[in-house]
Protein backbone atom coordinates (compact mmCIF):
# COMPACT_ATOMS: atom_id res chain seq x y z
CA MET A 1 136.80 16.88 -272.31
CA THR A 2 133.97 14.44 -272.20
CA GLY A 3 134.20 13.96 -275.94
CA SER A 4 137.92 13.24 -275.82
CA LEU A 5 137.48 10.66 -273.06
CA GLY A 6 134.69 8.99 -274.96
CA ASN A 7 136.78 8.79 -278.12
CA ALA A 8 139.65 7.20 -276.18
CA CYS A 9 137.37 4.61 -274.66
CA HIS A 10 135.90 3.93 -278.07
CA ASN A 11 139.29 3.71 -279.82
CA GLY A 12 140.83 1.40 -277.16
CA PRO A 13 138.81 -1.71 -278.13
CA MET A 14 139.29 -0.88 -281.79
CA THR A 15 143.07 -0.64 -281.33
CA PHE A 16 143.13 -3.96 -279.45
CA ARG A 17 141.07 -5.67 -282.14
CA ARG A 18 143.34 -4.36 -284.86
CA ALA A 19 146.44 -5.57 -282.96
CA PHE A 20 144.85 -8.96 -282.33
CA LEU A 21 143.86 -9.27 -285.98
CA SER A 22 147.34 -8.26 -287.09
CA ALA A 23 148.87 -10.90 -284.80
CA LEU A 24 146.53 -13.56 -286.20
CA ILE A 25 147.44 -12.59 -289.76
CA ALA A 26 151.16 -12.72 -288.89
CA LEU A 27 150.79 -16.13 -287.27
CA GLY A 28 148.80 -17.39 -290.24
CA ALA A 29 151.47 -16.11 -292.62
CA CYS A 30 154.17 -17.89 -290.59
CA ALA A 31 152.18 -21.12 -290.58
CA LEU A 32 151.57 -20.83 -294.33
CA PHE A 33 155.29 -20.27 -294.86
CA LEU A 34 156.21 -23.27 -292.68
CA GLU A 35 153.67 -25.57 -294.34
CA THR A 36 154.53 -24.71 -297.95
CA LEU A 37 158.03 -23.40 -298.67
CA PRO A 38 160.06 -26.08 -296.75
CA ARG A 39 158.23 -28.73 -298.76
CA LEU A 40 159.47 -27.16 -301.97
CA VAL A 41 162.93 -25.88 -301.04
CA ASP A 42 165.53 -27.11 -298.54
CA ILE A 43 165.86 -24.28 -296.03
CA PRO A 44 168.59 -24.60 -293.39
CA GLY A 45 166.99 -25.34 -290.03
CA LEU A 46 163.66 -26.30 -291.60
CA THR A 47 164.43 -29.58 -293.39
CA LEU A 48 162.96 -32.82 -292.04
CA ARG A 49 166.45 -33.78 -290.92
CA ASP A 50 166.55 -30.57 -288.83
CA LEU A 51 163.00 -30.69 -287.50
CA ASP A 52 162.77 -34.42 -286.77
CA PRO A 53 166.40 -35.58 -286.55
CA ILE A 54 165.84 -38.83 -284.67
CA GLY A 55 162.83 -39.95 -286.67
CA TYR A 56 164.60 -39.00 -289.90
CA GLU A 57 167.73 -40.95 -289.02
CA LEU A 58 165.88 -44.00 -287.67
CA GLU A 59 163.96 -44.40 -290.92
CA ARG A 60 167.26 -44.38 -292.79
CA ALA A 61 169.46 -46.14 -290.22
CA ASN A 62 171.39 -49.28 -291.07
CA ILE A 63 169.45 -51.17 -288.38
CA GLN A 64 165.74 -51.72 -287.82
CA PRO A 65 163.50 -53.36 -285.18
CA HIS A 66 163.25 -57.15 -285.19
CA PRO A 67 160.69 -59.19 -283.22
CA TYR A 68 163.17 -61.80 -281.93
CA LEU A 69 166.56 -60.10 -282.06
CA ALA A 70 165.55 -56.66 -280.73
CA TYR A 71 166.99 -55.23 -283.95
CA SER A 72 168.82 -56.36 -287.07
CA ASN A 73 170.64 -54.93 -290.06
CA ARG A 74 168.31 -53.21 -292.52
CA PRO A 75 168.13 -55.22 -295.78
CA ASN A 76 169.40 -53.46 -298.92
CA PHE A 77 170.76 -50.51 -296.94
CA ARG A 78 173.13 -48.13 -298.73
CA SER A 79 175.12 -45.37 -297.06
CA ARG A 80 174.83 -41.91 -298.56
CA GLU A 81 177.24 -40.82 -301.26
CA GLY A 82 180.31 -39.19 -299.84
CA ALA A 83 180.02 -40.88 -296.44
CA ARG A 84 183.38 -41.48 -294.78
CA ARG A 85 182.57 -45.18 -294.43
CA GLN A 86 180.84 -46.79 -297.39
CA VAL A 87 178.39 -49.46 -296.25
CA SER A 88 175.89 -51.64 -298.10
CA HIS A 89 173.76 -54.61 -297.09
CA ASN A 90 172.41 -57.44 -299.19
CA SER A 91 168.79 -58.61 -299.13
CA PHE A 92 169.47 -60.62 -295.94
CA GLY A 93 170.79 -57.53 -294.18
CA ASN A 94 174.33 -58.89 -294.17
CA ARG A 95 177.08 -56.44 -294.97
CA GLY A 96 178.56 -57.30 -298.34
CA PRO A 97 177.50 -58.84 -301.64
CA GLU A 98 174.33 -60.82 -302.27
CA VAL A 99 174.24 -64.48 -301.27
CA THR A 100 171.80 -67.24 -302.12
CA ILE A 101 170.14 -69.48 -299.56
CA GLN A 102 171.19 -72.50 -301.57
CA LYS A 103 174.95 -72.75 -301.39
CA PRO A 104 176.65 -72.74 -304.80
CA ALA A 105 178.16 -76.04 -305.88
CA ASP A 106 181.72 -76.77 -304.79
CA THR A 107 181.72 -73.77 -302.44
CA PHE A 108 183.05 -73.71 -298.90
CA ARG A 109 180.80 -71.25 -297.03
CA ILE A 110 181.88 -69.49 -293.82
CA VAL A 111 179.40 -67.55 -291.68
CA CYS A 112 180.96 -64.96 -289.34
CA LEU A 113 179.00 -64.07 -286.19
CA GLY A 114 179.85 -61.01 -284.11
CA GLY A 115 179.12 -57.41 -283.19
CA SER A 116 180.37 -54.14 -284.64
CA SER A 117 183.99 -55.30 -284.89
CA THR A 118 182.83 -58.09 -287.23
CA TYR A 119 180.27 -55.94 -289.05
CA GLY A 120 182.99 -53.35 -289.53
CA HIS A 121 182.59 -50.16 -287.49
CA GLY A 122 186.10 -48.98 -288.28
CA PRO A 123 186.94 -50.10 -291.85
CA SER A 124 186.25 -47.70 -294.70
CA SER A 125 184.21 -50.01 -296.95
CA ASN A 126 182.66 -53.45 -297.24
CA GLU A 127 185.78 -54.72 -298.93
CA HIS A 128 187.96 -53.73 -295.98
CA THR A 129 186.05 -55.54 -293.22
CA TRP A 130 187.89 -58.56 -291.87
CA PRO A 131 185.29 -61.10 -293.20
CA ALA A 132 185.74 -59.67 -296.73
CA ARG A 133 189.51 -59.69 -296.37
CA LEU A 134 189.32 -63.27 -295.05
CA GLN A 135 187.60 -64.40 -298.23
CA GLN A 136 190.28 -62.75 -300.34
CA ARG A 137 193.14 -64.14 -298.29
CA LEU A 138 191.72 -67.68 -298.42
CA HIS A 139 191.40 -67.36 -302.18
CA ASP A 140 194.99 -66.14 -302.43
CA GLY A 141 196.18 -69.02 -300.23
CA ASN A 142 194.25 -71.69 -302.14
CA PRO A 143 192.96 -70.42 -305.52
CA ASP A 144 191.59 -73.83 -306.45
CA ARG A 145 189.08 -73.80 -303.59
CA LYS A 146 186.00 -71.60 -303.91
CA VAL A 147 185.28 -69.91 -300.57
CA GLU A 148 182.38 -67.61 -299.69
CA VAL A 149 182.51 -65.64 -296.42
CA VAL A 150 179.24 -64.18 -295.12
CA ASN A 151 179.47 -61.23 -292.73
CA ALA A 152 176.59 -61.83 -290.28
CA GLY A 153 177.85 -59.29 -287.73
CA CYS A 154 175.68 -56.46 -286.45
CA ARG A 155 176.73 -53.54 -284.27
CA GLY A 156 175.86 -54.02 -280.63
CA TYR A 157 175.23 -57.75 -280.96
CA SER A 158 176.33 -60.11 -278.22
CA THR A 159 176.12 -63.90 -278.16
CA PHE A 160 172.46 -63.51 -277.17
CA GLU A 161 171.61 -61.94 -280.54
CA SER A 162 174.09 -64.03 -282.53
CA LEU A 163 172.60 -67.21 -281.09
CA GLY A 164 169.18 -66.18 -282.38
CA ASN A 165 170.59 -64.79 -285.61
CA TYR A 166 172.23 -68.11 -286.38
CA ALA A 167 169.26 -70.25 -285.32
CA PHE A 168 166.62 -68.26 -287.20
CA ARG A 169 168.53 -67.06 -290.25
CA MET A 170 172.14 -68.06 -290.84
CA SER A 171 171.54 -71.78 -290.31
CA ASP A 172 169.52 -71.76 -293.53
CA LEU A 173 172.66 -70.81 -295.47
CA ASP A 174 174.11 -74.29 -294.86
CA PRO A 175 177.54 -73.10 -293.64
CA ASP A 176 180.58 -75.36 -293.66
CA LEU A 177 182.25 -73.29 -290.95
CA VAL A 178 180.76 -70.96 -288.32
CA LEU A 179 183.24 -68.40 -287.04
CA VAL A 180 182.37 -66.66 -283.75
CA TYR A 181 184.09 -63.38 -282.83
CA HIS A 182 182.55 -62.07 -279.60
CA THR A 183 183.67 -60.70 -276.24
CA VAL A 184 183.27 -56.98 -275.58
CA ASN A 185 179.47 -56.68 -275.75
CA ASP A 186 178.97 -59.76 -273.58
CA MET A 187 181.52 -58.37 -271.15
CA ARG A 188 179.63 -55.09 -270.81
CA GLN A 189 176.39 -56.95 -270.25
CA ALA A 190 178.09 -58.97 -267.51
CA LEU A 191 179.28 -55.75 -265.83
CA TYR A 192 175.94 -53.95 -266.15
CA LEU A 193 173.54 -53.50 -263.24
CA ASP A 194 171.35 -56.35 -261.97
CA VAL A 195 172.42 -59.13 -264.39
CA GLN A 196 169.64 -61.47 -265.54
CA ARG A 197 169.91 -64.88 -267.21
CA ASP A 198 167.88 -63.78 -270.24
CA ASN A 199 169.70 -60.42 -270.63
CA THR A 200 166.59 -58.35 -269.88
CA HIS A 201 168.72 -56.18 -267.60
CA TRP A 202 170.53 -54.94 -270.72
CA ARG A 203 168.56 -55.44 -273.90
CA ALA A 204 165.40 -53.37 -274.10
CA ILE A 205 162.39 -53.82 -276.33
CA TRP A 206 162.78 -51.45 -279.27
CA ARG A 207 161.61 -48.08 -278.04
CA GLU A 208 159.10 -46.41 -280.34
CA MET A 209 159.17 -42.67 -280.82
CA PRO A 210 155.97 -41.04 -279.51
CA GLU A 211 153.63 -40.26 -282.39
CA SER A 212 151.19 -37.39 -282.81
CA THR A 213 148.41 -36.66 -285.27
CA TRP A 214 150.30 -33.46 -286.01
CA ASP A 215 153.53 -35.14 -287.14
CA GLY A 216 152.79 -34.22 -290.76
CA SER A 217 152.70 -30.51 -289.97
CA TYR A 218 155.86 -28.47 -290.39
CA THR A 219 154.46 -25.91 -287.96
CA TYR A 220 154.12 -28.57 -285.28
CA LEU A 221 157.55 -30.02 -286.08
CA PHE A 222 159.08 -26.53 -285.83
CA TRP A 223 157.43 -25.96 -282.44
CA ARG A 224 158.49 -29.38 -281.14
CA ARG A 225 162.06 -29.05 -282.38
CA TYR A 226 162.87 -25.52 -281.28
CA LEU A 227 160.42 -24.68 -278.49
CA THR A 228 160.32 -27.92 -276.42
CA ASP A 229 162.82 -30.33 -274.86
CA HIS A 230 161.45 -33.28 -276.89
CA PHE A 231 164.76 -34.28 -278.47
CA GLU A 232 166.74 -33.83 -275.29
CA ARG A 233 164.97 -36.96 -274.01
CA PHE A 234 166.10 -39.02 -276.98
CA GLY A 235 169.26 -39.28 -279.01
CA ASP A 236 171.77 -42.09 -279.19
CA ILE A 237 170.54 -45.39 -280.63
CA GLY A 238 171.41 -46.87 -277.24
CA ASN A 239 168.24 -45.26 -275.91
CA PHE A 240 166.26 -47.60 -278.12
CA VAL A 241 167.97 -50.90 -277.33
CA ILE A 242 169.65 -50.66 -273.90
CA VAL A 243 167.77 -50.67 -270.59
CA ASP A 244 168.03 -47.34 -268.68
CA PHE A 245 170.63 -46.08 -271.13
CA ASP A 246 170.23 -42.46 -270.05
CA LYS A 247 170.50 -43.23 -266.33
CA ASN A 248 173.32 -45.74 -266.41
CA LEU A 249 175.60 -44.97 -269.32
CA LYS A 250 175.45 -41.27 -270.05
CA ASP A 251 177.26 -38.72 -267.92
CA ASP A 252 174.70 -36.90 -265.80
CA PRO A 253 175.96 -34.10 -263.53
CA ASN A 254 172.80 -34.47 -261.44
CA SER A 255 173.15 -38.24 -260.95
CA ASP A 256 173.36 -39.76 -257.49
CA ALA A 257 177.05 -40.27 -256.76
CA SER A 258 176.22 -42.98 -254.23
CA LYS A 259 174.76 -45.27 -256.92
CA PRO A 260 177.10 -47.80 -258.56
CA ARG A 261 178.56 -47.24 -262.01
CA ALA A 262 176.93 -49.21 -264.82
CA TYR A 263 180.12 -51.13 -265.71
CA GLN A 264 181.80 -52.70 -262.70
CA ILE A 265 182.68 -56.06 -261.23
CA LYS A 266 180.12 -56.88 -258.56
CA GLN A 267 178.34 -59.84 -256.98
CA ASP A 268 176.17 -60.69 -259.98
CA THR A 269 178.95 -60.35 -262.57
CA GLU A 270 179.57 -64.09 -262.40
CA LEU A 271 176.11 -64.71 -263.81
CA GLY A 272 177.04 -62.62 -266.84
CA TYR A 273 180.10 -64.80 -267.36
CA ARG A 274 177.95 -67.92 -267.17
CA ASN A 275 175.54 -66.45 -269.73
CA PHE A 276 178.43 -65.98 -272.15
CA HIS A 277 179.64 -69.53 -271.56
CA ARG A 278 176.14 -70.98 -272.08
CA ASN A 279 175.47 -68.99 -275.27
CA LEU A 280 178.80 -69.98 -276.81
CA GLU A 281 178.11 -73.64 -276.14
CA SER A 282 174.65 -73.29 -277.70
CA ILE A 283 176.04 -71.71 -280.86
CA VAL A 284 178.64 -74.46 -281.16
CA ALA A 285 175.97 -77.15 -280.68
CA LEU A 286 173.63 -75.64 -283.28
CA ALA A 287 176.41 -75.27 -285.84
CA LYS A 288 177.66 -78.82 -285.32
CA ASN A 289 174.10 -80.10 -285.60
CA ASP A 290 174.07 -78.49 -289.05
CA GLY A 291 177.24 -80.35 -289.95
CA ALA A 292 179.43 -77.24 -289.75
CA ALA A 293 182.83 -76.91 -288.15
CA VAL A 294 183.21 -74.14 -285.56
CA ALA A 295 186.02 -71.68 -284.88
CA LEU A 296 186.17 -69.23 -281.97
CA GLY A 297 188.39 -66.18 -282.20
CA THR A 298 189.69 -64.39 -279.11
CA GLN A 299 188.79 -60.76 -279.66
CA ALA A 300 191.59 -58.32 -280.37
CA VAL A 301 191.62 -55.45 -277.88
CA MET A 302 193.56 -52.29 -277.12
CA ARG A 303 193.66 -51.87 -273.35
CA ARG A 304 194.12 -48.39 -271.94
CA ASP A 305 194.50 -49.20 -268.24
CA SER A 306 196.25 -51.90 -266.24
CA PRO A 307 194.30 -55.05 -265.34
CA GLU A 308 194.74 -54.21 -261.67
CA SER A 309 192.94 -50.87 -261.91
CA ASN A 310 190.11 -51.32 -264.37
CA ASP A 311 187.05 -53.57 -264.16
CA GLU A 312 186.48 -53.70 -267.92
CA VAL A 313 190.02 -54.83 -268.67
CA ARG A 314 189.92 -57.49 -265.97
CA ALA A 315 186.53 -58.75 -267.14
CA PHE A 316 187.73 -58.88 -270.74
CA GLY A 317 190.44 -61.30 -269.68
CA GLN A 318 187.88 -63.44 -267.87
CA MET A 319 185.69 -63.63 -270.97
CA THR A 320 188.69 -64.58 -273.10
CA ASP A 321 189.39 -67.48 -270.73
CA ILE A 322 185.79 -68.64 -271.27
CA LEU A 323 186.33 -68.67 -275.04
CA ARG A 324 189.38 -70.86 -274.57
CA LYS A 325 187.51 -73.25 -272.29
CA VAL A 326 184.50 -73.65 -274.61
CA ALA A 327 186.79 -74.30 -277.57
CA ALA A 328 188.66 -76.98 -275.63
CA ASP A 329 185.54 -78.59 -274.16
CA ARG A 330 183.44 -78.57 -277.34
CA GLY A 331 186.02 -79.36 -279.97
CA ALA A 332 186.00 -75.97 -281.67
CA LEU A 333 189.09 -74.49 -283.28
CA LEU A 334 190.50 -71.64 -281.18
CA VAL A 335 192.21 -68.85 -283.13
CA ASP A 336 194.13 -66.57 -280.79
CA ILE A 337 193.60 -63.24 -282.54
CA GLN A 338 194.23 -61.30 -279.33
CA SER A 339 197.79 -62.53 -278.78
CA SER A 340 198.70 -62.08 -282.45
CA VAL A 341 197.38 -58.52 -282.46
CA ASP A 342 199.22 -57.65 -279.23
CA ALA A 343 202.51 -58.68 -280.82
CA GLU A 344 201.71 -56.92 -284.10
CA ARG A 345 200.74 -53.68 -282.32
CA ALA A 346 204.08 -53.61 -280.55
CA ARG A 347 205.93 -54.19 -283.81
CA ARG A 348 203.98 -51.47 -285.65
CA GLN A 349 204.51 -48.94 -282.91
CA ALA A 350 208.25 -49.59 -283.02
CA VAL A 351 208.50 -48.98 -286.80
CA GLY A 352 205.73 -46.37 -287.18
CA GLU A 353 203.33 -48.40 -289.31
CA PRO A 354 199.56 -47.65 -289.46
CA PRO A 355 197.65 -48.55 -286.27
CA ILE A 356 195.44 -51.60 -285.89
CA PHE A 357 192.68 -49.90 -283.90
CA ILE A 358 190.73 -46.72 -284.53
CA ASP A 359 191.45 -43.74 -282.29
CA SER A 360 188.97 -43.87 -279.40
CA PRO A 361 188.82 -42.89 -275.72
CA ASP A 362 187.22 -46.21 -274.75
CA VAL A 363 188.98 -48.20 -272.03
CA VAL A 364 188.84 -51.31 -274.21
CA GLU A 365 188.87 -50.59 -277.95
CA VAL A 366 188.06 -53.42 -280.35
CA HIS A 367 187.21 -51.59 -283.58
CA LEU A 368 189.74 -52.11 -286.33
CA THR A 369 191.20 -49.87 -289.00
CA ASP A 370 191.52 -51.10 -292.58
CA ALA A 371 195.02 -52.29 -291.76
CA GLY A 372 193.86 -53.94 -288.55
CA ALA A 373 191.02 -55.76 -290.28
CA ASP A 374 193.40 -57.08 -292.91
CA PHE A 375 195.78 -58.32 -290.22
CA VAL A 376 193.00 -60.10 -288.30
CA ALA A 377 191.81 -61.70 -291.53
CA GLY A 378 195.34 -62.90 -292.16
CA VAL A 379 195.55 -64.59 -288.75
CA PHE A 380 192.24 -66.38 -289.33
CA ALA A 381 193.24 -67.36 -292.88
CA ASP A 382 196.58 -68.80 -291.76
CA ALA A 383 194.86 -70.88 -289.09
CA PHE A 384 192.31 -72.26 -291.55
CA LEU A 385 194.81 -72.97 -294.33
CA GLN A 386 197.20 -74.67 -291.94
CA GLY A 387 194.28 -76.68 -290.61
CA GLY A 388 193.57 -78.10 -294.06
CA LEU A 389 190.71 -75.85 -295.20
């Protein structure tokens, strides 16, 4: 009896040590597997895209941080083969073919400033954006005149960024005409919480992903990706460039219902309108100082609610009125894209032709299809050709 009890006591520590050693060996084998095989073979769930999705995408995104503009288009970007929308940037980061700083002889150069609807969020390729179609339509309308249209749009840009983009970069291209196509992003900034004159209530400093000395380890990346909530705290690019994006723009079932919505007409909205007015006048002044003519386009929009019931729709109309006023006061050409598109949408709906806007649940949709971009380009081209371009 005593011998049996002694053997049990003796074997207990031995059994524990064996189990502990076996666990260590198993963990070591797993770590060895994670550190070696995924580097050699793409294994579903263990690729860098799977383990570090945000970091992977940011390094390959079509935008990058910029010290004065918050962010800008990534130079020489190319979308992956097979992507639904084919996108490429030139060495300036502009969407489309390469351009030279020195304007070619006998060339009329147009620089288009705007956000994603100018850059081309909806169109299927560079050639189907409205700036590219504008160049083609102007050539068709006047083949004897060489015209070059530069797409200087960038998704998410407002007149704040376009003002800096023109002053620091596009001015050097010696444009003959500066074409401004802005409304929706400035409108949303005006409706955001706690409007500031310098837009710091909206535009955030580029948010860096937290780094670790273990970032090069697949074992660490596996643990972070699948065993922590690290990526739940990041996600949409808006987290990197919009103030309090998570709190104010994303649906949160735990949010305080008593707090105001991010987009709404309120006491400080008027300051947002004045910011838009000021920035437009500054762009016009800079362009004219460079000897360029200026055209302002009213932004085409598909409204989903009545002006009486929706703050965004009402504010969009207010911003459009500001465009008209700046054009009249500062001697810029106003091209009423919005009214032309409204009439064309009604006609297309009646005869079943392809839509002008992409399908989206947004209250105000401004992103164009290929057909919509071509139509907008046609309205601009007609205005310029009739004006003696």
